[in-house]
Amino acid sequence: MTPIGVIESCFWTRNGTPRQPLLVPHARACLILHSGGIPQATLEGLVEYSHCWILYVFHKNTDLPRLWEQQGHTNFKAKVFTVVRVPRLQGGKMGVLATRSPHRPCPIGLSVAKVEAVHGRMLLLSGVDLVDGTPVLDIKPYLPYCDNVQGAKVPDWIMMVWMIH
């Protein structure tokens, strides 16, 4: 799998980068498509959408080098966290796949961002939670009629945190 582009962001390190994009509506970033094989025409029409999904690699994940170096090995044993401490649970633990932790069996992330403009090979975004240098795997338009699930259920602890903020 080859990234289609890279993020230039106002966040230089993973420490201090917001964990959710909607928490930082004014945070800006620029997604720049790689010149080799990804034509700028692939961005045509995207500016007509208010938001898009960004599919990316957690490149600052501390386990990532071992993961990439041993691709395809059947005996590969990455350091995968099965449970992680959830800050909102005051140190309580949760299965990693029930969280938004970057320390995942496959370090792929998904964020929604506001589409500000398209200039050639550059997509200007706001409301981002991406670290500078993040490799981007794909971009998809946000479609409110199917991306917003009415009546979606979340655990009680999420609702308590959401109501406090």
N, C-alpha and C. Protein backbone atom coordinates (compact mmCIF):
# COMPACT_ATOMS: atom_id res chain seq x y z
N MET A 1 0.84 -1.17 0.00
CA MET A 1 0.00 0.00 0.00
C MET A 1 0.89 1.24 0.00
N THR A 2 0.63 2.15 -0.92
CA THR A 2 1.45 3.34 -1.07
C THR A 2 0.63 4.58 -0.77
N PRO A 3 1.11 5.47 0.07
CA PRO A 3 0.38 6.72 0.34
C PRO A 3 0.22 7.55 -0.93
N ILE A 4 -0.90 8.27 -1.00
CA ILE A 4 -1.16 9.15 -2.15
C ILE A 4 -0.66 10.56 -1.91
N GLY A 5 -0.37 10.88 -0.65
CA GLY A 5 0.08 12.22 -0.32
C GLY A 5 0.55 12.31 1.12
N VAL A 6 0.81 13.54 1.54
CA VAL A 6 1.33 13.78 2.88
C VAL A 6 0.68 15.04 3.45
N ILE A 7 0.56 15.08 4.76
CA ILE A 7 -0.03 16.23 5.46
C ILE A 7 1.06 17.19 5.91
N GLU A 8 0.85 18.48 5.66
CA GLU A 8 1.65 19.54 6.28
C GLU A 8 0.71 20.18 7.30
N SER A 9 1.06 20.05 8.57
CA SER A 9 0.16 20.42 9.65
C SER A 9 0.78 21.41 10.62
N CYS A 10 -0.07 22.03 11.40
CA CYS A 10 0.39 22.94 12.46
C CYS A 10 0.83 22.15 13.69
N PHE A 11 0.63 20.84 13.70
CA PHE A 11 1.04 19.99 14.82
C PHE A 11 2.30 19.22 14.45
N TRP A 12 3.39 19.47 15.18
CA TRP A 12 4.69 18.89 14.84
C TRP A 12 4.96 17.57 15.53
N THR A 13 4.37 17.33 16.68
CA THR A 13 4.59 16.08 17.43
C THR A 13 3.25 15.48 17.79
N ARG A 14 3.25 14.19 18.08
CA ARG A 14 1.99 13.56 18.45
C ARG A 14 1.54 14.01 19.83
N ASN A 15 2.50 14.34 20.71
CA ASN A 15 2.14 14.88 22.01
C ASN A 15 1.65 16.30 21.80
N GLY A 16 0.45 16.58 22.27
CA GLY A 16 -0.14 17.90 22.09
C GLY A 16 -1.07 17.99 20.90
N THR A 17 -1.08 16.97 20.05
CA THR A 17 -2.01 16.94 18.93
C THR A 17 -3.37 16.49 19.46
N PRO A 18 -4.44 17.18 19.10
CA PRO A 18 -5.77 16.79 19.59
C PRO A 18 -6.11 15.36 19.17
N ARG A 19 -6.93 14.72 19.97
CA ARG A 19 -7.32 13.34 19.67
C ARG A 19 -8.55 13.24 18.80
N GLN A 20 -9.26 14.34 18.64
CA GLN A 20 -10.46 14.35 17.80
C GLN A 20 -10.47 15.64 16.99
N PRO A 21 -10.77 15.56 15.69
CA PRO A 21 -10.69 16.75 14.85
C PRO A 21 -11.71 17.84 15.19
N LEU A 22 -12.88 17.49 15.64
CA LEU A 22 -13.90 18.51 15.89
C LEU A 22 -13.58 19.36 17.12
N LEU A 23 -12.57 18.96 17.91
CA LEU A 23 -12.16 19.74 19.06
C LEU A 23 -11.33 20.96 18.67
N VAL A 24 -10.81 20.96 17.44
CA VAL A 24 -9.94 22.05 16.98
C VAL A 24 -10.41 22.56 15.61
N PRO A 25 -11.56 23.24 15.56
CA PRO A 25 -12.11 23.63 14.27
C PRO A 25 -11.24 24.60 13.47
N HIS A 26 -10.34 25.32 14.14
CA HIS A 26 -9.50 26.29 13.43
C HIS A 26 -8.11 25.76 13.08
N ALA A 27 -7.80 24.54 13.48
CA ALA A 27 -6.50 23.95 13.15
C ALA A 27 -6.44 23.70 11.64
N ARG A 28 -5.36 24.16 11.02
CA ARG A 28 -5.22 24.08 9.56
C ARG A 28 -4.17 23.04 9.16
N ALA A 29 -4.38 22.50 7.96
CA ALA A 29 -3.41 21.58 7.38
C ALA A 29 -3.55 21.64 5.86
N CYS A 30 -2.51 21.17 5.21
CA CYS A 30 -2.50 21.08 3.76
C CYS A 30 -2.14 19.65 3.38
N LEU A 31 -2.99 19.02 2.60
CA LEU A 31 -2.70 17.68 2.10
C LEU A 31 -2.12 17.86 0.70
N ILE A 32 -0.91 17.38 0.50
CA ILE A 32 -0.24 17.53 -0.79
C ILE A 32 -0.13 16.16 -1.45
N LEU A 33 -0.73 16.05 -2.62
CA LEU A 33 -0.66 14.79 -3.37
C LEU A 33 0.76 14.57 -3.88
N HIS A 34 1.21 13.31 -3.84
CA HIS A 34 2.52 12.98 -4.41
C HIS A 34 2.46 13.16 -5.92
N SER A 35 3.53 13.66 -6.48
CA SER A 35 3.56 13.93 -7.92
C SER A 35 3.68 12.66 -8.75
N GLY A 36 4.22 11.60 -8.18
CA GLY A 36 4.39 10.36 -8.93
C GLY A 36 3.14 9.52 -9.00
N GLY A 37 2.38 9.65 -10.08
CA GLY A 37 1.25 8.77 -10.31
C GLY A 37 -0.10 9.22 -9.78
N ILE A 38 -0.16 10.30 -9.01
CA ILE A 38 -1.45 10.79 -8.52
C ILE A 38 -1.72 12.15 -9.18
N PRO A 39 -2.51 12.16 -10.25
CA PRO A 39 -2.77 13.42 -10.95
C PRO A 39 -3.61 14.39 -10.11
N GLN A 40 -3.39 15.68 -10.31
CA GLN A 40 -4.16 16.67 -9.55
C GLN A 40 -5.64 16.59 -9.91
N ALA A 41 -5.97 16.04 -11.06
CA ALA A 41 -7.37 15.89 -11.47
C ALA A 41 -8.16 15.02 -10.49
N THR A 42 -7.47 14.20 -9.69
CA THR A 42 -8.17 13.36 -8.73
C THR A 42 -8.89 14.19 -7.66
N LEU A 43 -8.51 15.45 -7.49
CA LEU A 43 -9.15 16.33 -6.51
C LEU A 43 -10.32 17.13 -7.10
N GLU A 44 -10.53 17.04 -8.41
CA GLU A 44 -11.61 17.80 -9.06
C GLU A 44 -12.95 17.43 -8.45
N GLY A 45 -13.73 18.45 -8.08
CA GLY A 45 -15.06 18.25 -7.52
C GLY A 45 -15.09 18.15 -6.01
N LEU A 46 -13.96 17.90 -5.37
CA LEU A 46 -13.94 17.73 -3.92
C LEU A 46 -14.30 19.02 -3.19
N VAL A 47 -13.98 20.18 -3.78
CA VAL A 47 -14.27 21.46 -3.16
C VAL A 47 -15.78 21.72 -3.03
N GLU A 48 -16.58 20.96 -3.75
CA GLU A 48 -18.03 21.10 -3.66
C GLU A 48 -18.60 20.48 -2.38
N TYR A 49 -17.79 19.70 -1.69
CA TYR A 49 -18.20 19.10 -0.42
C TYR A 49 -17.70 19.96 0.73
N SER A 50 -18.43 19.99 1.83
CA SER A 50 -17.98 20.78 2.98
C SER A 50 -16.90 20.04 3.77
N HIS A 51 -16.96 18.70 3.79
CA HIS A 51 -16.03 17.90 4.58
C HIS A 51 -15.60 16.66 3.81
N CYS A 52 -14.49 16.09 4.26
CA CYS A 52 -14.02 14.83 3.67
C CYS A 52 -13.42 13.95 4.76
N TRP A 53 -13.35 12.68 4.47
CA TRP A 53 -12.67 11.71 5.33
C TRP A 53 -11.23 11.60 4.86
N ILE A 54 -10.30 11.53 5.80
CA ILE A 54 -8.89 11.32 5.49
C ILE A 54 -8.50 9.99 6.12
N LEU A 55 -8.05 9.06 5.30
CA LEU A 55 -7.57 7.76 5.75
C LEU A 55 -6.04 7.84 5.74
N TYR A 56 -5.40 7.55 6.87
CA TYR A 56 -3.97 7.81 6.99
C TYR A 56 -3.27 6.77 7.85
N VAL A 57 -1.95 6.87 7.90
CA VAL A 57 -1.12 5.98 8.71
C VAL A 57 -0.66 6.74 9.96
N PHE A 58 -0.77 6.10 11.12
CA PHE A 58 -0.23 6.66 12.35
C PHE A 58 1.30 6.55 12.29
N HIS A 59 1.94 7.44 11.57
CA HIS A 59 3.38 7.33 11.31
C HIS A 59 4.23 7.63 12.54
N LYS A 60 3.67 8.24 13.55
CA LYS A 60 4.42 8.52 14.77
C LYS A 60 4.17 7.45 15.84
N ASN A 61 3.45 6.40 15.47
CA ASN A 61 3.20 5.29 16.37
C ASN A 61 4.55 4.64 16.70
N THR A 62 4.85 4.46 17.96
CA THR A 62 6.16 3.96 18.36
C THR A 62 6.43 2.54 17.88
N ASP A 63 5.40 1.79 17.50
CA ASP A 63 5.59 0.42 17.03
C ASP A 63 5.65 0.33 15.51
N LEU A 64 5.47 1.44 14.82
CA LEU A 64 5.36 1.42 13.38
C LEU A 64 6.59 0.89 12.64
N PRO A 65 7.82 1.27 13.02
CA PRO A 65 8.96 0.76 12.26
C PRO A 65 9.01 -0.77 12.20
N ARG A 66 8.75 -1.43 13.30
CA ARG A 66 8.76 -2.90 13.30
C ARG A 66 7.65 -3.45 12.43
N LEU A 67 6.50 -2.79 12.45
CA LEU A 67 5.38 -3.25 11.65
C LEU A 67 5.70 -3.21 10.17
N TRP A 68 6.27 -2.07 9.69
CA TRP A 68 6.56 -1.92 8.27
C TRP A 68 7.73 -2.80 7.84
N GLU A 69 8.75 -2.95 8.68
CA GLU A 69 9.93 -3.72 8.31
C GLU A 69 9.62 -5.19 8.09
N GLN A 70 8.62 -5.72 8.78
CA GLN A 70 8.37 -7.15 8.72
C GLN A 70 7.09 -7.49 7.96
N GLN A 71 6.70 -6.65 7.02
CA GLN A 71 5.51 -6.92 6.22
C GLN A 71 5.64 -8.26 5.51
N GLY A 72 4.56 -9.01 5.50
CA GLY A 72 4.53 -10.26 4.75
C GLY A 72 5.11 -11.45 5.49
N HIS A 73 5.73 -11.24 6.62
CA HIS A 73 6.28 -12.36 7.37
C HIS A 73 5.16 -13.05 8.14
N THR A 74 5.03 -14.34 7.97
CA THR A 74 3.94 -15.06 8.64
C THR A 74 4.19 -15.23 10.13
N ASN A 75 5.45 -15.13 10.55
CA ASN A 75 5.76 -15.28 11.98
C ASN A 75 5.89 -13.93 12.67
N PHE A 76 5.39 -12.88 12.04
CA PHE A 76 5.51 -11.53 12.58
C PHE A 76 4.74 -11.40 13.89
N LYS A 77 5.39 -10.89 14.90
CA LYS A 77 4.75 -10.66 16.19
C LYS A 77 5.00 -9.20 16.59
N ALA A 78 4.11 -8.31 16.17
CA ALA A 78 4.23 -6.90 16.53
C ALA A 78 3.81 -6.71 17.98
N LYS A 79 4.33 -5.65 18.57
CA LYS A 79 3.90 -5.29 19.91
C LYS A 79 2.52 -4.65 19.78
N VAL A 80 1.50 -5.43 19.98
CA VAL A 80 0.13 -4.95 19.85
C VAL A 80 -0.48 -4.87 21.23
N PHE A 81 -1.03 -3.71 21.51
CA PHE A 81 -1.72 -3.53 22.78
C PHE A 81 -3.10 -4.16 22.67
N THR A 82 -3.43 -5.06 23.58
CA THR A 82 -4.77 -5.64 23.57
C THR A 82 -5.73 -4.75 24.34
N VAL A 83 -5.23 -4.16 25.42
CA VAL A 83 -6.03 -3.20 26.18
C VAL A 83 -5.19 -1.94 26.39
N VAL A 84 -5.85 -0.81 26.46
CA VAL A 84 -5.17 0.46 26.67
C VAL A 84 -5.89 1.24 27.76
N ARG A 85 -5.15 2.12 28.41
CA ARG A 85 -5.77 3.02 29.40
C ARG A 85 -6.47 4.14 28.66
N VAL A 86 -7.69 4.41 29.06
CA VAL A 86 -8.49 5.44 28.43
C VAL A 86 -8.53 6.65 29.36
N PRO A 87 -7.95 7.79 28.93
CA PRO A 87 -7.91 8.96 29.81
C PRO A 87 -9.29 9.36 30.35
N ARG A 88 -10.30 9.25 29.52
CA ARG A 88 -11.65 9.65 29.94
C ARG A 88 -12.26 8.68 30.95
N LEU A 89 -11.63 7.51 31.11
CA LEU A 89 -12.09 6.54 32.11
C LEU A 89 -11.26 6.63 33.38
N GLN A 90 -10.53 7.72 33.54
CA GLN A 90 -9.69 7.96 34.72
C GLN A 90 -8.74 6.79 34.97
N GLY A 91 -8.08 6.36 33.90
CA GLY A 91 -7.09 5.29 34.02
C GLY A 91 -7.65 3.90 33.81
N GLY A 92 -8.96 3.78 33.63
CA GLY A 92 -9.56 2.48 33.36
C GLY A 92 -9.13 1.94 32.01
N LYS A 93 -9.19 0.64 31.85
CA LYS A 93 -8.74 0.01 30.61
C LYS A 93 -9.92 -0.43 29.74
N MET A 94 -9.61 -0.51 28.44
CA MET A 94 -10.60 -0.89 27.45
C MET A 94 -9.86 -1.63 26.33
N GLY A 95 -10.53 -2.54 25.66
CA GLY A 95 -9.94 -3.21 24.50
C GLY A 95 -9.56 -2.18 23.45
N VAL A 96 -8.38 -2.31 22.85
CA VAL A 96 -7.87 -1.31 21.93
C VAL A 96 -8.81 -1.04 20.76
N LEU A 97 -9.52 -2.05 20.29
CA LEU A 97 -10.43 -1.85 19.16
C LEU A 97 -11.73 -1.15 19.56
N ALA A 98 -11.93 -0.95 20.86
CA ALA A 98 -13.09 -0.20 21.35
C ALA A 98 -12.68 1.23 21.70
N THR A 99 -11.48 1.65 21.25
CA THR A 99 -10.97 2.99 21.53
C THR A 99 -10.48 3.63 20.24
N ARG A 100 -10.01 4.86 20.36
CA ARG A 100 -9.41 5.57 19.23
C ARG A 100 -7.90 5.65 19.38
N SER A 101 -7.32 4.75 20.15
CA SER A 101 -5.88 4.73 20.37
C SER A 101 -5.12 4.54 19.06
N PRO A 102 -3.98 5.22 18.88
CA PRO A 102 -3.17 5.00 17.69
C PRO A 102 -2.37 3.69 17.74
N HIS A 103 -2.30 3.06 18.89
CA HIS A 103 -1.54 1.81 19.05
C HIS A 103 -2.44 0.63 18.71
N ARG A 104 -2.61 0.39 17.43
CA ARG A 104 -3.55 -0.59 16.93
C ARG A 104 -2.83 -1.72 16.21
N PRO A 105 -3.50 -2.85 16.05
CA PRO A 105 -2.88 -3.95 15.29
C PRO A 105 -2.49 -3.52 13.88
N CYS A 106 -3.29 -2.68 13.26
CA CYS A 106 -2.97 -2.09 11.95
C CYS A 106 -3.08 -0.58 12.13
N PRO A 107 -1.97 0.15 12.08
CA PRO A 107 -1.95 1.57 12.46
C PRO A 107 -2.55 2.53 11.42
N ILE A 108 -3.82 2.33 11.12
CA ILE A 108 -4.51 3.18 10.17
C ILE A 108 -5.52 4.04 10.92
N GLY A 109 -5.54 5.33 10.60
CA GLY A 109 -6.46 6.26 11.23
C GLY A 109 -7.45 6.83 10.24
N LEU A 110 -8.53 7.38 10.79
CA LEU A 110 -9.59 7.97 10.00
C LEU A 110 -10.02 9.27 10.67
N SER A 111 -9.99 10.38 9.94
CA SER A 111 -10.41 11.67 10.48
C SER A 111 -11.30 12.38 9.48
N VAL A 112 -12.21 13.17 10.01
CA VAL A 112 -13.03 14.03 9.16
C VAL A 112 -12.42 15.43 9.23
N ALA A 113 -12.43 16.13 8.11
CA ALA A 113 -11.86 17.48 8.07
C ALA A 113 -12.73 18.36 7.17
N LYS A 114 -12.69 19.65 7.43
CA LYS A 114 -13.42 20.60 6.60
C LYS A 114 -12.58 20.92 5.37
N VAL A 115 -13.21 20.85 4.21
CA VAL A 115 -12.55 21.20 2.95
C VAL A 115 -12.61 22.71 2.79
N GLU A 116 -11.46 23.36 2.80
CA GLU A 116 -11.40 24.82 2.65
C GLU A 116 -11.18 25.23 1.20
N ALA A 117 -10.29 24.54 0.51
CA ALA A 117 -9.98 24.90 -0.88
C ALA A 117 -9.14 23.81 -1.52
N VAL A 118 -9.12 23.82 -2.84
CA VAL A 118 -8.23 22.96 -3.62
C VAL A 118 -7.42 23.87 -4.52
N HIS A 119 -6.09 23.72 -4.48
CA HIS A 119 -5.19 24.49 -5.33
C HIS A 119 -4.22 23.50 -5.97
N GLY A 120 -4.47 23.15 -7.22
CA GLY A 120 -3.59 22.20 -7.90
C GLY A 120 -3.56 20.87 -7.19
N ARG A 121 -2.38 20.49 -6.68
CA ARG A 121 -2.18 19.21 -5.99
C ARG A 121 -2.39 19.33 -4.48
N MET A 122 -2.85 20.51 -4.02
CA MET A 122 -3.00 20.74 -2.58
C MET A 122 -4.46 20.85 -2.18
N LEU A 123 -4.79 20.17 -1.09
CA LEU A 123 -6.12 20.24 -0.49
C LEU A 123 -5.96 20.94 0.85
N LEU A 124 -6.55 22.13 0.98
CA LEU A 124 -6.47 22.89 2.23
C LEU A 124 -7.61 22.46 3.14
N LEU A 125 -7.26 22.15 4.39
CA LEU A 125 -8.22 21.58 5.34
C LEU A 125 -8.23 22.37 6.64
N SER A 126 -9.33 22.29 7.37
CA SER A 126 -9.37 22.82 8.73
C SER A 126 -10.08 21.80 9.62
N GLY A 127 -9.94 22.01 10.94
CA GLY A 127 -10.51 21.07 11.89
C GLY A 127 -9.78 19.74 11.87
N VAL A 128 -8.46 19.79 11.76
CA VAL A 128 -7.67 18.55 11.63
C VAL A 128 -6.98 18.17 12.94
N ASP A 129 -6.75 16.88 13.09
CA ASP A 129 -6.02 16.35 14.24
C ASP A 129 -4.85 15.50 13.76
N LEU A 130 -4.20 15.94 12.69
CA LEU A 130 -3.13 15.16 12.05
C LEU A 130 -1.77 15.81 12.28
N VAL A 131 -0.79 14.97 12.53
CA VAL A 131 0.59 15.41 12.77
C VAL A 131 1.27 15.70 11.43
N ASP A 132 2.14 16.70 11.42
CA ASP A 132 2.91 17.04 10.24
C ASP A 132 3.66 15.82 9.73
N GLY A 133 3.61 15.59 8.43
CA GLY A 133 4.29 14.46 7.82
C GLY A 133 3.45 13.20 7.74
N THR A 134 2.19 13.25 8.17
CA THR A 134 1.32 12.07 8.15
C THR A 134 1.10 11.59 6.72
N PRO A 135 1.40 10.31 6.45
CA PRO A 135 1.13 9.74 5.12
C PRO A 135 -0.38 9.50 4.94
N VAL A 136 -0.92 9.97 3.83
CA VAL A 136 -2.35 9.83 3.54
C VAL A 136 -2.56 8.69 2.56
N LEU A 137 -3.48 7.79 2.91
CA LEU A 137 -3.77 6.64 2.06
C LEU A 137 -4.93 6.89 1.10
N ASP A 138 -5.91 7.71 1.54
CA ASP A 138 -7.07 7.96 0.70
C ASP A 138 -7.86 9.16 1.23
N ILE A 139 -8.69 9.72 0.36
CA ILE A 139 -9.59 10.83 0.68
C ILE A 139 -10.95 10.42 0.15
N LYS A 140 -11.98 10.62 0.96
CA LYS A 140 -13.33 10.33 0.51
C LYS A 140 -14.25 11.47 0.94
N PRO A 141 -15.21 11.85 0.11
CA PRO A 141 -16.12 12.92 0.51
C PRO A 141 -17.01 12.46 1.66
N TYR A 142 -17.32 13.39 2.56
CA TYR A 142 -18.24 13.13 3.66
C TYR A 142 -19.65 13.29 3.13
N LEU A 143 -20.48 12.27 3.32
CA LEU A 143 -21.86 12.29 2.84
C LEU A 143 -22.81 12.23 4.03
N PRO A 144 -23.42 13.34 4.40
CA PRO A 144 -24.27 13.37 5.60
C PRO A 144 -25.39 12.34 5.61
N TYR A 145 -25.95 12.02 4.45
CA TYR A 145 -27.08 11.10 4.43
C TYR A 145 -26.69 9.66 4.79
N CYS A 146 -25.40 9.33 4.63
CA CYS A 146 -25.01 7.96 4.99
C CYS A 146 -23.87 7.89 6.01
N ASP A 147 -23.16 9.01 6.24
CA ASP A 147 -22.06 9.01 7.21
C ASP A 147 -22.52 9.39 8.61
N ASN A 148 -23.72 9.94 8.74
CA ASN A 148 -24.27 10.33 10.03
C ASN A 148 -25.35 9.32 10.39
N VAL A 149 -25.04 8.39 11.24
CA VAL A 149 -25.97 7.32 11.60
C VAL A 149 -26.91 7.81 12.69
N GLN A 150 -28.17 7.95 12.36
CA GLN A 150 -29.18 8.38 13.33
C GLN A 150 -29.40 7.28 14.37
N GLY A 151 -29.43 7.66 15.63
CA GLY A 151 -29.69 6.70 16.71
C GLY A 151 -28.50 5.82 17.04
N ALA A 152 -27.30 6.20 16.61
CA ALA A 152 -26.11 5.40 16.92
C ALA A 152 -25.93 5.32 18.44
N LYS A 153 -25.49 4.18 18.91
CA LYS A 153 -25.32 3.93 20.34
C LYS A 153 -23.85 4.01 20.72
N VAL A 154 -23.56 4.60 21.87
CA VAL A 154 -22.21 4.65 22.43
C VAL A 154 -22.29 4.27 23.90
N PRO A 155 -21.16 3.85 24.51
CA PRO A 155 -21.18 3.50 25.93
C PRO A 155 -21.55 4.70 26.80
N ASP A 156 -22.08 4.42 27.98
CA ASP A 156 -22.49 5.48 28.91
C ASP A 156 -21.35 6.43 29.25
N TRP A 157 -20.11 5.90 29.41
CA TRP A 157 -18.99 6.76 29.79
C TRP A 157 -18.69 7.81 28.72
N ILE A 158 -18.93 7.49 27.47
CA ILE A 158 -18.75 8.46 26.38
C ILE A 158 -19.79 9.57 26.52
N MET A 159 -21.02 9.21 26.77
CA MET A 159 -22.08 10.20 26.92
C MET A 159 -21.81 11.12 28.10
N MET A 160 -21.30 10.58 29.20
CA MET A 160 -21.00 11.39 30.37
C MET A 160 -19.91 12.42 30.04
N VAL A 161 -18.89 12.00 29.34
CA VAL A 161 -17.80 12.90 28.95
C VAL A 161 -18.32 13.97 27.99
N TRP A 162 -19.12 13.55 27.03
CA TRP A 162 -19.66 14.47 26.03
C TRP A 162 -20.54 15.52 26.69
N MET A 163 -21.36 15.13 27.66
CA MET A 163 -22.27 16.06 28.33
C MET A 163 -21.49 17.08 29.18
N ILE A 164 -20.35 16.67 29.74
CA ILE A 164 -19.52 17.57 30.56
C ILE A 164 -18.90 18.64 29.69
N HIS A 165 -18.48 18.28 28.47
CA HIS A 165 -17.82 19.24 27.58
C HIS A 165 -18.84 19.89 26.73
